Protein backbone atom coordinates (compact mmCIF):
# COMPACT_ATOMS: atom_id res chain seq x y z
CA MET A 1 0.00 0.00 0.00
CA ASN A 2 2.83 2.43 0.83
CA THR A 3 4.49 1.55 -2.46
CA LYS A 4 1.39 2.64 -4.37
CA PHE A 5 1.34 5.97 -2.54
CA ALA A 6 5.05 6.46 -3.20
CA ILE A 7 4.61 5.79 -6.93
CA ALA A 8 1.57 8.09 -7.09
CA LEU A 9 3.54 10.81 -5.30
CA ILE A 10 6.49 10.44 -7.69
CA LEU A 11 4.20 10.63 -10.73
CA ALA A 12 2.39 13.66 -9.34
CA LEU A 13 5.72 15.40 -8.72
CA GLN A 14 6.89 14.64 -12.25
CA VAL A 15 3.71 16.07 -13.73
CA SER A 16 3.93 19.19 -11.58
CA MET A 17 7.59 19.68 -12.51
CA SER A 18 6.84 19.30 -16.21
CA LEU A 19 4.18 22.00 -15.87
CA CYS A 20 6.80 24.35 -14.41
CA ASP A 21 8.82 24.28 -17.64
CA VAL A 22 7.44 27.26 -19.52
CA PRO A 23 8.44 27.34 -23.19
CA GLN A 24 10.32 30.39 -24.42
CA PRO A 25 8.48 32.56 -26.96
CA GLU A 26 9.76 32.85 -30.49
CA GLN A 27 11.55 36.10 -31.29
CA GLU A 28 9.11 36.79 -34.13
CA LEU A 29 6.20 36.59 -31.67
CA VAL A 30 7.94 38.91 -29.19
CA ASP A 31 8.68 41.43 -31.95
CA LYS A 32 5.08 41.31 -33.16
CA TYR A 33 3.80 41.80 -29.61
CA ASN A 34 6.15 44.74 -29.01
CA SER A 35 5.09 46.43 -32.26
CA LEU A 36 1.39 46.01 -31.40
CA LYS A 37 2.00 47.30 -27.87
CA GLY A 38 3.90 50.31 -29.20
CA ALA A 39 1.13 51.13 -31.68
CA PHE A 40 -1.47 50.82 -28.93
CA TYR A 41 0.43 53.17 -26.62
CA GLN A 42 0.87 55.62 -29.50
CA ARG A 43 -2.89 55.52 -30.10
CA LEU A 44 -3.49 56.28 -26.41
CA VAL A 45 -1.05 59.20 -26.48
CA ASN A 46 -2.71 60.64 -29.59
CA ALA A 47 -6.18 60.21 -28.08
CA TYR A 48 -5.01 61.97 -24.90
CA GLY A 49 -3.63 64.81 -27.00
CA LYS A 50 -6.92 65.21 -28.85
CA VAL A 51 -8.97 65.13 -25.65
CA TYR A 52 -6.63 67.63 -24.00
CA ALA A 53 -6.79 69.95 -27.02
CA ALA A 54 -10.58 69.76 -27.01
CA ALA A 55 -10.83 70.26 -23.25
CA ALA A 56 -8.22 73.03 -22.90
CA PRO A 57 -10.63 75.92 -23.57
CA VAL A 58 -13.15 74.49 -21.10
CA ILE A 59 -10.47 73.97 -18.47
CA SER A 60 -9.19 77.53 -18.87
CA GLU A 61 -12.73 78.88 -18.46
CA VAL A 62 -13.28 76.76 -15.33
CA GLY A 63 -10.03 78.10 -13.88
CA GLN A 64 -11.43 81.63 -13.99
CA THR A 65 -14.44 80.86 -11.81
CA ALA A 66 -14.34 80.93 -8.01
CA GLN A 67 -14.85 77.18 -7.70
CA GLY A 68 -12.19 76.51 -10.32
CA GLN A 69 -9.77 78.76 -8.49
CA GLU A 70 -10.41 76.87 -5.24
CA ALA A 71 -9.83 73.55 -6.97
CA LYS A 72 -6.57 74.86 -8.44
CA GLU A 73 -5.39 76.06 -5.02
CA LEU A 74 -6.31 72.70 -3.49
CA MET A 75 -4.28 70.83 -6.11
CA GLU A 76 -1.31 73.12 -5.57
CA SER A 77 -1.49 72.66 -1.80
CA LEU A 78 -1.66 68.86 -2.23
CA GLN A 79 1.46 68.88 -4.39
CA ASP A 80 3.43 70.59 -1.64
CA LYS A 81 2.50 68.07 1.07
CA PRO A 82 5.30 65.67 2.06
CA GLN A 83 2.80 62.82 2.53
CA LEU A 84 1.86 62.97 -1.15
CA GLN A 85 5.52 63.10 -2.14
CA ALA A 86 6.17 60.00 -0.02
CA ILE A 87 3.28 58.15 -1.62
CA ILE A 88 4.58 59.06 -5.08
CA LYS A 89 8.07 57.84 -4.19
CA VAL A 90 6.73 54.55 -2.82
CA GLY A 91 4.55 54.07 -5.89
CA SER A 92 7.40 54.71 -8.30
CA GLY A 93 9.62 52.36 -6.29
CA LEU A 94 6.99 49.64 -6.48
CA VAL A 95 6.71 50.10 -10.23
CA GLU A 96 10.48 49.76 -10.57
CA GLU A 97 10.52 46.63 -8.39
CA PHE A 98 7.62 44.91 -10.12
CA SER A 99 8.55 45.71 -13.72
CA PRO A 100 10.95 42.72 -14.02
CA LEU A 101 8.23 40.44 -12.65
CA VAL A 102 5.72 41.81 -15.11
CA ASP A 103 8.19 41.34 -17.97
CA LYS A 104 8.84 37.76 -16.88
CA ALA A 105 5.10 37.04 -16.65
CA ARG A 106 4.54 38.59 -20.07
CA LYS A 107 7.34 36.52 -21.55
CA SER A 108 5.92 33.36 -19.96
CA ALA A 109 2.44 34.15 -21.25
CA LEU A 110 3.80 34.69 -24.75
CA GLY A 111 5.70 31.41 -24.51
CA VAL A 112 2.59 29.50 -23.44
CA TYR A 113 0.54 31.16 -26.16
CA GLY A 114 3.17 30.48 -28.82
CA HIS A 115 3.63 26.86 -27.87
CA TYR A 116 0.14 25.71 -26.98
CA LEU A 117 -2.42 28.11 -28.47
CA ARG A 118 -0.88 29.74 -31.54
CA PRO A 119 -1.08 26.64 -33.75
CA TYR A 120 -4.83 26.50 -33.17
CA ILE A 121 -6.02 30.10 -32.82
CA GLY A 122 -3.10 32.13 -34.17
CA GLN A 123 -4.57 32.71 -37.62
CA TYR A 124 -7.98 33.68 -36.21
CA LEU A 125 -6.40 36.10 -33.75
CA ASP A 126 -4.22 37.60 -36.48
CA ASN A 127 -7.27 38.15 -38.71
CA ALA A 128 -9.20 39.69 -35.80
CA ILE A 129 -6.33 42.08 -35.05
CA LYS A 130 -6.16 43.12 -38.71
CA ASN A 131 -9.92 43.76 -38.80
CA ILE A 132 -9.84 45.73 -35.54
CA ARG A 133 -6.83 47.71 -36.74
CA VAL A 134 -8.85 48.99 -39.72
CA HIS A 135 -11.45 50.46 -37.38
CA LEU A 136 -8.84 51.80 -34.97
CA ASP A 137 -7.03 53.55 -37.83
CA THR A 138 -10.31 55.27 -38.67
CA PHE A 139 -11.34 56.36 -35.18
CA LEU A 140 -8.12 56.32 -33.16
CA PRO A 141 -5.09 56.64 -35.49
CA ALA A 142 -1.57 55.95 -34.29
CA GLN A 143 -0.06 58.96 -36.10
């Protein structure tokens, strides 16, 4: 009876160890992901610029009212507080600490996708991205 448990334990450990081996993503897949991510960020930056340009006259008018002036003074007083500066420093430190973990998780996810899912859904996903890109170029261009 103990022998059966020992064999079952050994097999379970082998299966769990084989699941820990995450395949490395292909360089072509990483390059494609990075280009799509860069285009997406560029779209967000352009959208922010358009929203800011559209909202700038409204914001300047709000700044001239009494309530707008109070809000501006409140924001300026918050920026001078050392507690806010400490929170900003802690937040930026956390981002710096977690960025390698996020990159490793992203690389692992790309490896799993490339090895297990891409042969089955890669073409469909590529076609969907191309179709979505047409609409994004119309409504939210990257340039």
